PDB file of N, CA and C in Angstrom:
ATOM      1  N   MET A   1     122.921 104.472 143.845  1.00  0.00           N
ATOM      2  CA  MET A   1     123.733 103.852 142.824  1.00  0.00           C
ATOM      3  C   MET A   1     124.963 104.698 142.522  1.00  0.00           C
ATOM      4  N   ILE A   2     124.765 105.970 142.247  1.00  0.00           N
ATOM      5  CA  ILE A   2     125.902 106.832 141.947  1.00  0.00           C
ATOM      6  C   ILE A   2     126.786 106.969 143.187  1.00  0.00           C
ATOM      7  N   ALA A   3     126.166 107.175 144.341  1.00  0.00           N
ATOM      8  CA  ALA A   3     126.945 107.323 145.578  1.00  0.00           C
ATOM      9  C   ALA A   3     127.761 106.066 145.839  1.00  0.00           C
ATOM     10  N   ASP A   4     127.173 104.902 145.651  1.00  0.00           N
ATOM     11  CA  ASP A   4     127.909 103.652 145.846  1.00  0.00           C
ATOM     12  C   ASP A   4     129.118 103.591 144.925  1.00  0.00           C
ATOM     13  N   HIS A   5     128.926 104.012 143.678  1.00  0.00           N
ATOM     14  CA  HIS A   5     130.018 104.009 142.707  1.00  0.00           C
ATOM     15  C   HIS A   5     131.137 104.967 143.148  1.00  0.00           C
ATOM     16  N   VAL A   6     130.764 106.153 143.583  1.00  0.00           N
ATOM     17  CA  VAL A   6     131.759 107.147 144.020  1.00  0.00           C
ATOM     18  C   VAL A   6     132.532 106.624 145.226  1.00  0.00           C
ATOM     19  N   TYR A   7     131.827 106.066 146.212  1.00  0.00           N
ATOM     20  CA  TYR A   7     132.496 105.562 147.418  1.00  0.00           C
ATOM     21  C   TYR A   7     133.391 104.364 147.102  1.00  0.00           C
ATOM     22  N   SER A   8     133.002 103.545 146.140  1.00  0.00           N
ATOM     23  CA  SER A   8     133.834 102.378 145.824  1.00  0.00           C
ATOM     24  C   SER A   8     135.047 102.754 144.977  1.00  0.00           C
ATOM     25  N   LYS A   9     134.948 103.809 144.197  1.00  0.00           N
ATOM     26  CA  LYS A   9     136.028 104.177 143.278  1.00  0.00           C
ATOM     27  C   LYS A   9     137.041 105.155 143.875  1.00  0.00           C
ATOM     28  N   PHE A  10     136.611 106.004 144.805  1.00  0.00           N
ATOM     29  CA  PHE A  10     137.485 107.070 145.300  1.00  0.00           C
ATOM     30  C   PHE A  10     137.670 106.970 146.814  1.00  0.00           C
ATOM     31  N   ASP A  11     138.903 106.636 147.224  1.00  0.00           N
ATOM     32  CA  ASP A  11     139.224 106.490 148.649  1.00  0.00           C
ATOM     33  C   ASP A  11     138.957 107.761 149.444  1.00  0.00           C
ATOM     34  N   VAL A  12     139.153 108.911 148.818  1.00  0.00           N
ATOM     35  CA  VAL A  12     138.989 110.178 149.536  1.00  0.00           C
ATOM     36  C   VAL A  12     137.569 110.319 150.079  1.00  0.00           C
ATOM     37  N   PHE A  13     136.599 109.753 149.392  1.00  0.00           N
ATOM     38  CA  PHE A  13     135.218 109.779 149.886  1.00  0.00           C
ATOM     39  C   PHE A  13     135.028 108.737 150.984  1.00  0.00           C
ATOM     40  N   ARG A  14     135.547 107.541 150.757  1.00  0.00           N
ATOM     41  CA  ARG A  14     135.403 106.463 151.743  1.00  0.00           C
ATOM     42  C   ARG A  14     136.071 106.822 153.067  1.00  0.00           C
ATOM     43  N   GLN A  15     137.174 107.559 152.999  1.00  0.00           N
ATOM     44  CA  GLN A  15     137.929 107.921 154.201  1.00  0.00           C
ATOM     45  C   GLN A  15     137.445 109.230 154.825  1.00  0.00           C
ATOM     46  N   PHE A  16     136.484 109.871 154.211  1.00  0.00           N
ATOM     47  CA  PHE A  16     135.920 111.135 154.712  1.00  0.00           C
ATOM     48  C   PHE A  16     137.003 112.178 154.963  1.00  0.00           C
ATOM     49  N   ARG A  17     137.949 112.293 154.044  1.00  0.00           N
ATOM     50  CA  ARG A  17     138.986 113.316 154.151  1.00  0.00           C
ATOM     51  C   ARG A  17     138.429 114.635 153.617  1.00  0.00           C
ATOM     52  N   PRO A  18     138.972 115.762 154.072  1.00  0.00           N
ATOM     53  CA  PRO A  18     138.504 117.047 153.525  1.00  0.00           C
ATOM     54  C   PRO A  18     138.732 117.088 152.009  1.00  0.00           C
ATOM     55  N   LEU A  19     137.705 117.398 151.272  1.00  0.00           N
ATOM     56  CA  LEU A  19     137.769 117.395 149.817  1.00  0.00           C
ATOM     57  C   LEU A  19     138.335 118.698 149.276  1.00  0.00           C
ATOM     58  N   ALA A  20     139.032 118.590 148.145  1.00  0.00           N
ATOM     59  CA  ALA A  20     139.545 119.768 147.449  1.00  0.00           C
ATOM     60  C   ALA A  20     138.369 120.645 147.039  1.00  0.00           C
ATOM     61  N   LEU A  21     138.573 121.945 147.087  1.00  0.00           N
ATOM     62  CA  LEU A  21     137.525 122.857 146.635  1.00  0.00           C
ATOM     63  C   LEU A  21     137.277 122.616 145.148  1.00  0.00           C
ATOM     64  N   GLY A  22     136.036 122.562 144.751  1.00  0.00           N
ATOM     65  CA  GLY A  22     135.682 122.320 143.355  1.00  0.00           C
ATOM     66  C   GLY A  22     135.800 120.864 142.927  1.00  0.00           C
ATOM     67  N   ILE A  23     135.876 119.957 143.883  1.00  0.00           N
ATOM     68  CA  ILE A  23     136.048 118.543 143.535  1.00  0.00           C
ATOM     69  C   ILE A  23     134.867 118.007 142.733  1.00  0.00           C
ATOM     70  N   HIS A  24     133.705 118.617 142.870  1.00  0.00           N
ATOM     71  CA  HIS A  24     132.551 118.155 142.089  1.00  0.00           C
ATOM     72  C   HIS A  24     132.825 118.256 140.594  1.00  0.00           C
ATOM     73  N   GLU A  25     133.586 119.280 140.177  1.00  0.00           N
ATOM     74  CA  GLU A  25     133.922 119.425 138.760  1.00  0.00           C
ATOM     75  C   GLU A  25     134.837 118.298 138.303  1.00  0.00           C
ATOM     76  N   SER A  26     135.797 117.932 139.140  1.00  0.00           N
ATOM     77  CA  SER A  26     136.690 116.809 138.815  1.00  0.00           C
ATOM     78  C   SER A  26     135.899 115.512 138.754  1.00  0.00           C
ATOM     79  N   LEU A  27     134.961 115.364 139.664  1.00  0.00           N
ATOM     80  CA  LEU A  27     134.150 114.151 139.711  1.00  0.00           C
ATOM     81  C   LEU A  27     133.245 114.054 138.484  1.00  0.00           C
ATOM     82  N   ILE A  28     132.685 115.170 138.064  1.00  0.00           N
ATOM     83  CA  ILE A  28     131.846 115.194 136.858  1.00  0.00           C
ATOM     84  C   ILE A  28     132.679 114.783 135.649  1.00  0.00           C
ATOM     85  N   ALA A  29     133.907 115.281 135.554  1.00  0.00           N
ATOM     86  CA  ALA A  29     134.784 114.919 134.434  1.00  0.00           C
ATOM     87  C   ALA A  29     135.195 113.450 134.494  1.00  0.00           C
ATOM     88  N   ALA A  30     135.388 112.931 135.711  1.00  0.00           N
ATOM     89  CA  ALA A  30     135.820 111.540 135.876  1.00  0.00           C
ATOM     90  C   ALA A  30     134.683 110.540 135.651  1.00  0.00           C
ATOM     91  N   LEU A  31     133.448 111.008 135.787  1.00  0.00           N
ATOM     92  CA  LEU A  31     132.291 110.109 135.660  1.00  0.00           C
ATOM     93  C   LEU A  31     131.282 110.643 134.643  1.00  0.00           C
ATOM     94  N   PRO A  32     131.679 110.723 133.377  1.00  0.00           N
ATOM     95  CA  PRO A  32     130.778 111.310 132.375  1.00  0.00           C
ATOM     96  C   PRO A  32     129.500 110.505 132.148  1.00  0.00           C
ATOM     97  N   GLN A  33     129.477 109.256 132.592  1.00  0.00           N
ATOM     98  CA  GLN A  33     128.289 108.428 132.396  1.00  0.00           C
ATOM     99  C   GLN A  33     127.143 108.832 133.307  1.00  0.00           C
ATOM    100  N   PHE A  34     127.415 109.665 134.327  1.00  0.00           N
ATOM    101  CA  PHE A  34     126.387 110.091 135.261  1.00  0.00           C
ATOM    102  C   PHE A  34     126.035 111.555 135.042  1.00  0.00           C
ATOM    103  N   ASP A  35     124.799 111.898 135.344  1.00  0.00           N
ATOM    104  CA  ASP A  35     124.315 113.267 135.219  1.00  0.00           C
ATOM    105  C   ASP A  35     125.055 114.177 136.208  1.00  0.00           C
ATOM    106  N   SER A  36     125.486 115.330 135.749  1.00  0.00           N
ATOM    107  CA  SER A  36     126.266 116.243 136.590  1.00  0.00           C
ATOM    108  C   SER A  36     125.480 116.734 137.800  1.00  0.00           C
ATOM    109  N   THR A  37     124.179 116.914 137.656  1.00  0.00           N
ATOM    110  CA  THR A  37     123.366 117.367 138.783  1.00  0.00           C
ATOM    111  C   THR A  37     123.346 116.311 139.882  1.00  0.00           C
ATOM    112  N   LEU A  38     123.238 115.052 139.503  1.00  0.00           N
ATOM    113  CA  LEU A  38     123.223 113.981 140.486  1.00  0.00           C
ATOM    114  C   LEU A  38     124.577 113.844 141.181  1.00  0.00           C
ATOM    115  N   ILE A  39     125.656 114.026 140.434  1.00  0.00           N
ATOM    116  CA  ILE A  39     126.992 113.974 141.033  1.00  0.00           C
ATOM    117  C   ILE A  39     127.145 115.105 142.042  1.00  0.00           C
ATOM    118  N   SER A  40     126.692 116.286 141.685  1.00  0.00           N
ATOM    119  CA  SER A  40     126.769 117.418 142.617  1.00  0.00           C
ATOM    120  C   SER A  40     125.972 117.138 143.883  1.00  0.00           C
ATOM    121  N   ARG A  41     124.832 116.466 143.749  1.00  0.00           N
ATOM    122  CA  ARG A  41     124.029 116.108 144.931  1.00  0.00           C
ATOM    123  C   ARG A  41     124.752 115.109 145.821  1.00  0.00           C
ATOM    124  N   VAL A  42     125.427 114.143 145.188  1.00  0.00           N
ATOM    125  CA  VAL A  42     126.191 113.151 145.955  1.00  0.00           C
ATOM    126  C   VAL A  42     127.266 113.864 146.778  1.00  0.00           C
ATOM    127  N   VAL A  43     127.965 114.810 146.159  1.00  0.00           N
ATOM    128  CA  VAL A  43     129.010 115.553 146.871  1.00  0.00           C
ATOM    129  C   VAL A  43     128.387 116.380 148.001  1.00  0.00           C
ATOM    130  N   ALA A  44     127.281 117.051 147.727  1.00  0.00           N
ATOM    131  CA  ALA A  44     126.621 117.862 148.756  1.00  0.00           C
ATOM    132  C   ALA A  44     126.171 117.004 149.925  1.00  0.00           C
ATOM    133  N   ASN A  45     125.583 115.850 149.637  1.00  0.00           N
ATOM    134  CA  ASN A  45     125.149 114.948 150.714  1.00  0.00           C
ATOM    135  C   ASN A  45     126.338 114.446 151.521  1.00  0.00           C
ATOM    136  N   HIS A  46     127.420 114.118 150.842  1.00  0.00           N
ATOM    137  CA  HIS A  46     128.632 113.652 151.528  1.00  0.00           C
ATOM    138  C   HIS A  46     129.145 114.729 152.488  1.00  0.00           C
ATOM    139  N   CYS A  47     129.144 115.965 152.019  1.00  0.00           N
ATOM    140  CA  CYS A  47     129.705 117.065 152.809  1.00  0.00           C
ATOM    141  C   CYS A  47     128.837 117.445 154.006  1.00  0.00           C
ATOM    142  N   ARG A  48     127.599 116.973 154.057  1.00  0.00           N
ATOM    143  CA  ARG A  48     126.733 117.228 155.204  1.00  0.00           C
ATOM    144  C   ARG A  48     126.802 116.118 156.253  1.00  0.00           C
ATOM    145  N   LYS A  49     127.451 115.036 155.940  1.00  0.00           N
ATOM    146  CA  LYS A  49     127.519 113.915 156.888  1.00  0.00           C
ATOM    147  C   LYS A  49     128.363 114.309 158.092  1.00  0.00           C
ATOM    148  N   PRO A  50     127.922 113.935 159.293  1.00  0.00           N
ATOM    149  CA  PRO A  50     128.661 114.297 160.508  1.00  0.00           C
ATOM    150  C   PRO A  50     130.139 113.877 160.475  1.00  0.00           C
ATOM    151  N   ARG A  51     130.413 112.728 159.912  1.00  0.00           N
ATOM    152  CA  ARG A  51     131.801 112.268 159.862  1.00  0.00           C
ATOM    153  C   ARG A  51     132.661 113.201 159.005  1.00  0.00           C
ATOM    154  N   TYR A  52     132.116 113.703 157.900  1.00  0.00           N
ATOM    155  CA  TYR A  52     132.856 114.632 157.056  1.00  0.00           C
ATOM    156  C   TYR A  52     133.026 115.981 157.759  1.00  0.00           C
ATOM    157  N   VAL A  53     131.988 116.450 158.403  1.00  0.00           N
ATOM    158  CA  VAL A  53     132.055 117.740 159.107  1.00  0.00           C
ATOM    159  C   VAL A  53     133.131 117.669 160.207  1.00  0.00           C
ATOM    160  N   LYS A  54     133.196 116.544 160.917  1.00  0.00           N
ATOM    161  CA  LYS A  54     134.228 116.379 161.949  1.00  0.00           C
ATOM    162  C   LYS A  54     135.617 116.377 161.341  1.00  0.00           C
ATOM    163  N   SER A  55     135.750 115.806 160.159  1.00  0.00           N
ATOM    164  CA  SER A  55     137.030 115.801 159.464  1.00  0.00           C
ATOM    165  C   SER A  55     137.453 117.231 159.119  1.00  0.00           C
ATOM    166  N   LEU A  56     136.515 118.031 158.663  1.00  0.00           N
ATOM    167  CA  LEU A  56     136.816 119.442 158.372  1.00  0.00           C
ATOM    168  C   LEU A  56     137.174 120.194 159.647  1.00  0.00           C
ATOM    169  N   ALA A  57     136.499 119.882 160.732  1.00  0.00           N
ATOM    170  CA  ALA A  57     136.743 120.580 161.995  1.00  0.00           C
ATOM    171  C   ALA A  57     138.153 120.317 162.514  1.00  0.00           C
ATOM    172  N   ARG A  58     138.741 119.194 162.128  1.00  0.00           N
ATOM    173  CA  ARG A  58     140.132 118.913 162.521  1.00  0.00           C
ATOM    174  C   ARG A  58     141.113 119.772 161.741  1.00  0.00           C
ATOM    175  N   GLY A  59     140.665 120.287 160.592  1.00  0.00           N
ATOM    176  CA  GLY A  59     141.524 121.130 159.769  1.00  0.00           C
ATOM    177  C   GLY A  59     142.542 120.305 159.003  1.00  0.00           C
ATOM    178  N   GLY A  60     143.577 120.982 158.517  1.00  0.00           N
ATOM    179  CA  GLY A  60     144.634 120.292 157.786  1.00  0.00           C
ATOM    180  C   GLY A  60     144.458 120.381 156.279  1.00  0.00           C
ATOM    181  N   LYS A  61     144.998 119.393 155.608  1.00  0.00           N
ATOM    182  CA  LYS A  61     145.015 119.387 154.150  1.00  0.00           C
ATOM    183  C   LYS A  61     143.677 118.961 153.555  1.00  0.00           C
ATOM    184  N   ARG A  62     143.454 119.417 152.309  1.00  0.00           N
ATOM    185  CA  ARG A  62     142.325 118.971 151.500  1.00  0.00           C
ATOM    186  C   ARG A  62     142.891 118.018 150.447  1.00  0.00           C
ATOM    187  N   PHE A  63     142.049 117.128 149.927  1.00  0.00           N
ATOM    188  CA  PHE A  63     142.526 116.101 149.014  1.00  0.00           C
ATOM    189  C   PHE A  63     141.700 116.029 147.744  1.00  0.00           C
ATOM    190  N   ASP A  64     142.386 115.670 146.637  1.00  0.00           N
ATOM    191  CA  ASP A  64     141.710 115.511 145.353  1.00  0.00           C
ATOM    192  C   ASP A  64     141.228 114.073 145.175  1.00  0.00           C
ATOM    193  N   LEU A  65     140.722 113.752 144.000  1.00  0.00           N
ATOM    194  CA  LEU A  65     140.180 112.415 143.748  1.00  0.00           C
ATOM    195  C   LEU A  65     141.249 111.324 143.840  1.00  0.00           C
ATOM    196  N   ALA A  66     142.508 111.692 143.597  1.00  0.00           N
ATOM    197  CA  ALA A  66     143.607 110.726 143.679  1.00  0.00           C
ATOM    198  C   ALA A  66     144.152 110.636 145.103  1.00  0.00           C
ATOM    199  N   ASN A  67     143.477 111.310 146.035  1.00  0.00           N
ATOM    200  CA  ASN A  67     143.880 111.307 147.448  1.00  0.00           C
ATOM    201  C   ASN A  67     145.212 112.027 147.672  1.00  0.00           C
ATOM    202  N   LYS A  68     145.512 113.005 146.802  1.00  0.00           N
ATOM    203  CA  LYS A  68     146.733 113.803 146.932  1.00  0.00           C
ATOM    204  C   LYS A  68     146.369 115.158 147.533  1.00  0.00           C
ATOM    205  N   PRO A  69     147.215 115.668 148.442  1.00  0.00           N
ATOM    206  CA  PRO A  69     146.916 116.968 149.069  1.00  0.00           C
ATOM    207  C   PRO A  69     146.903 118.109 148.040  1.00  0.00           C
ATOM    208  N   VAL A  70     145.882 118.945 148.127  1.00  0.00           N
ATOM    209  CA  VAL A  70     145.753 120.108 147.240  1.00  0.00           C
ATOM    210  C   VAL A  70     145.115 121.261 147.982  1.00  0.00           C
ATOM    211  N   GLY A  71     145.806 121.826 148.928  1.00  0.00           N
ATOM    212  CA  GLY A  71     145.270 122.963 149.661  1.00  0.00           C
ATOM    213  C   GLY A  71     144.999 122.601 151.106  1.00  0.00           C
ATOM    214  N   GLU A  72     144.528 123.589 151.826  1.00  0.00           N
ATOM    215  CA  GLU A  72     144.286 123.467 153.260  1.00  0.00           C
ATOM    216  C   GLU A  72     142.861 123.908 153.597  1.00  0.00           C
ATOM    217  N   VAL A  73     142.365 123.382 154.695  1.00  0.00           N
ATOM    218  CA  VAL A  73     141.099 123.852 155.242  1.00  0.00           C
ATOM    219  C   VAL A  73     141.388 125.207 155.883  1.00  0.00           C
ATOM    220  N   SER A  74     140.652 126.239 155.498  1.00  0.00           N
ATOM    221  CA  SER A  74     140.894 127.576 156.046  1.00  0.00           C
ATOM    222  C   SER A  74     140.418 127.646 157.500  1.00  0.00           C
ATOM    223  N   ALA A  75     140.897 128.657 158.204  1.00  0.00           N
ATOM    224  CA  ALA A  75     140.490 128.857 159.599  1.00  0.00           C
ATOM    225  C   ALA A  75     138.980 129.081 159.692  1.00  0.00           C
ATOM    226  N   GLU A  76     138.416 129.810 158.728  1.00  0.00           N
ATOM    227  CA  GLU A  76     136.978 130.071 158.733  1.00  0.00           C
ATOM    228  C   GLU A  76     136.187 128.782 158.507  1.00  0.00           C
ATOM    229  N   GLU A  77     136.659 127.949 157.572  1.00  0.00           N
ATOM    230  CA  GLU A  77     135.979 126.678 157.297  1.00  0.00           C
ATOM    231  C   GLU A  77     136.060 125.758 158.511  1.00  0.00           C
ATOM    232  N   LYS A  78     137.219 125.755 159.148  1.00  0.00           N
ATOM    233  CA  LYS A  78     137.412 124.920 160.335  1.00  0.00           C
ATOM    234  C   LYS A  78     136.454 125.362 161.446  1.00  0.00           C
ATOM    235  N   LYS A  79     136.376 126.674 161.671  1.00  0.00           N
ATOM    236  CA  LYS A  79     135.504 127.206 162.720  1.00  0.00           C
ATOM    237  C   LYS A  79     134.039 126.879 162.433  1.00  0.00           C
ATOM    238  N   ALA A  80     133.626 127.040 161.178  1.00  0.00           N
ATOM    239  CA  ALA A  80     132.233 126.731 160.805  1.00  0.00           C
ATOM    240  C   ALA A  80     131.937 125.247 161.028  1.00  0.00           C
ATOM    241  N   ALA A  81     132.879 124.384 160.682  1.00  0.00           N
ATOM    242  CA  ALA A  81     132.681 122.943 160.884  1.00  0.00           C
ATOM    243  C   ALA A  81     132.634 122.608 162.370  1.00  0.00           C
ATOM    244  N   GLU A  82     133.464 123.277 163.158  1.00  0.00           N
ATOM    245  CA  GLU A  82     133.446 123.048 164.610  1.00  0.00           C
ATOM    246  C   GLU A  82     132.075 123.404 165.183  1.00  0.00           C
ATOM    247  N   GLN A  83     131.514 124.510 164.715  1.00  0.00           N
ATOM    248  CA  GLN A  83     130.201 124.931 165.193  1.00  0.00           C
ATOM    249  C   GLN A  83     129.110 123.952 164.749  1.00  0.00           C
ATOM    250  N   MET A  84     129.255 123.427 163.532  1.00  0.00           N
ATOM    251  CA  MET A  84     128.256 122.466 163.032  1.00  0.00           C
ATOM    252  C   MET A  84     128.334 121.140 163.778  1.00  0.00           C
ATOM    253  N   SER A  85     129.547 120.752 164.201  1.00  0.00           N
ATOM    254  CA  SER A  85     129.698 119.448 164.842  1.00  0.00           C
ATOM    255  C   SER A  85     129.573 119.519 166.363  1.00  0.00           C
ATOM    256  N   ALA A  86     129.495 120.732 166.899  1.00  0.00           N
ATOM    257  CA  ALA A  86     129.346 120.870 168.351  1.00  0.00           C
ATOM    258  C   ALA A  86     127.994 120.322 168.773  1.00  0.00           C
ATOM    259  N   PRO A  87     127.965 119.670 169.928  1.00  0.00           N
ATOM    260  CA  PRO A  87     126.668 119.159 170.393  1.00  0.00           C
ATOM    261  C   PRO A  87     125.687 120.307 170.594  1.00  0.00           C
ATOM    262  N   LYS A  88     124.496 120.074 170.180  1.00  0.00           N
ATOM    263  CA  LYS A  88     123.450 121.089 170.333  1.00  0.00           C
ATOM    264  C   LYS A  88     122.965 121.077 171.782  1.00  0.00           C
ATOM    265  N   PRO A  89     122.739 122.254 172.355  1.00  0.00           N
ATOM    266  CA  PRO A  89     122.229 122.274 173.727  1.00  0.00           C
ATOM    267  C   PRO A  89     120.837 121.651 173.775  1.00  0.00           C
ATOM    268  N   ALA A  90     120.572 120.990 174.868  1.00  0.00           N
ATOM    269  CA  ALA A  90     119.261 120.362 175.032  1.00  0.00           C
ATOM    270  C   ALA A  90     118.203 121.455 175.081  1.00  0.00           C
ATOM    271  N   PRO A  91     117.058 121.217 174.474  1.00  0.00           N
ATOM    272  CA  PRO A  91     116.009 122.235 174.522  1.00  0.00           C
ATOM    273  C   PRO A  91     115.545 122.427 175.962  1.00  0.00           C
ATOM    274  N   ALA A  92     115.245 123.658 176.291  1.00  0.00           N
ATOM    275  CA  ALA A  92     114.776 123.969 177.645  1.00  0.00           C
ATOM    276  C   ALA A  92     113.440 123.273 177.861  1.00  0.00           C
ATOM    277  N   PRO A  93     113.263 122.722 179.052  1.00  0.00           N
ATOM    278  CA  PRO A  93     111.975 122.066 179.298  1.00  0.00           C
ATOM    279  C   PRO A  93     110.854 123.097 179.219  1.00  0.00           C
ATOM    280  N   ALA A  94     109.733 122.652 178.747  1.00  0.00           N
ATOM    281  CA  ALA A  94     108.588 123.554 178.631  1.00  0.00           C
ATOM    282  C   ALA A  94     108.187 124.015 180.028  1.00  0.00           C
ATOM    283  N   ALA A  95     107.901 125.278 180.119  1.00  0.00           N
ATOM    284  CA  ALA A  95     107.495 125.816 181.415  1.00  0.00           C
ATOM    285  C   ALA A  95     106.181 125.156 181.818  1.00  0.00           C
ATOM    286  N   ALA A  96     106.139 124.759 183.059  1.00  0.00           N
ATOM    287  CA  ALA A  96     104.914 124.120 183.550  1.00  0.00           C
ATOM    288  C   ALA A  96     103.785 125.138 183.524  1.00  0.00           C
ATOM    289  N   ALA A  97     102.643 124.691 183.120  1.00  0.00           N
ATOM    290  CA  ALA A  97     101.488 125.589 183.087  1.00  0.00           C
ATOM    291  C   ALA A  97     101.139 125.961 184.516  1.00  0.00           C
ATOM    292  N   PRO A  98     100.801 127.211 184.745  1.00  0.00           N
ATOM    293  CA  PRO A  98     100.448 127.598 186.118  1.00  0.00           C
ATOM    294  C   PRO A  98      99.240 126.801 186.599  1.00  0.00           C
ATOM    295  N   ALA A  99      99.303 126.435 187.838  1.00  0.00           N
ATOM    296  CA  ALA A  99      98.212 125.643 188.415  1.00  0.00           C
ATOM    297  C   ALA A  99      96.943 126.480 188.436  1.00  0.00           C
ATOM    298  N   GLU A 100      95.843 125.836 188.219  1.00  0.00           N
ATOM    299  CA  GLU A 100      94.560 126.522 188.263  1.00  0.00           C
ATOM    300  C   GLU A 100      94.329 126.983 189.696  1.00  0.00           C
ATOM    301  N   PRO A 101      93.910 128.200 189.886  1.00  0.00           N
ATOM    302  CA  PRO A 101      93.653 128.631 191.267  1.00  0.00           C
ATOM    303  C   PRO A 101      92.522 127.787 191.857  1.00  0.00           C
ATOM    304  N   ALA A 102      92.715 127.441 193.108  1.00  0.00           N
ATOM    305  CA  ALA A 102      91.706 126.606 193.769  1.00  0.00           C
ATOM    306  C   ALA A 102      90.437 127.430 193.919  1.00  0.00           C
ATOM    307  N   GLY A 103      89.362 126.876 193.473  1.00  0.00           N
ATOM    308  CA  GLY A 103      88.078 127.586 193.582  1.00  0.00           C
ATOM    309  C   GLY A 103      87.543 127.477 195.011  1.00  0.00           C
ATOM    310  N   ASP A 104      86.518 128.249 195.281  1.00  0.00           N
ATOM    311  CA  ASP A 104      85.913 128.132 196.611  1.00  0.00           C
ATOM    312  C   ASP A 104      85.344 126.747 196.766  1.00  0.00           C
ATOM    313  N   ALA A 105      85.597 126.165 197.871  1.00  0.00           N
ATOM    314  CA  ALA A 105      85.089 124.813 198.110  1.00  0.00           C
ATOM    315  C   ALA A 105      83.592 124.863 198.254  1.00  0.00           C
ATOM    316  N   ALA A 106      82.935 123.955 197.607  1.00  0.00           N
ATOM    317  CA  ALA A 106      81.477 123.902 197.718  1.00  0.00           C
ATOM    318  C   ALA A 106      81.109 123.350 199.074  1.00  0.00           C
ATOM    319  N   GLU A 107      80.128 123.895 199.648  1.00  0.00           N
ATOM    320  CA  GLU A 107      79.734 123.451 200.988  1.00  0.00           C
ATOM    321  C   GLU A 107      78.692 122.441 200.962  1.00  0.00           C
TER     322      GLU A 107
END
């Protein structure tokens, strides 16, 4: 419910643009009808979505609730997002169990 409200009211969330640092505080002030802990969770969940992480990995400007630029994605943040969005290597196949040694054939 809260997430739906945030996505419908603020384009910056719908467009998955890099968010201004501390935007959760602005969002809490803009939505006093909702519990601040729940708003912080909505922001945290949004920031873990692959589409948002890819947006951070591109770097560039960060945006506030009005979709206005307010700062830049730092080189460290960009690098961390690139690492998070990089494809994970496939797990190594499990080593085959050694074959049981052939016992003496019964006569």
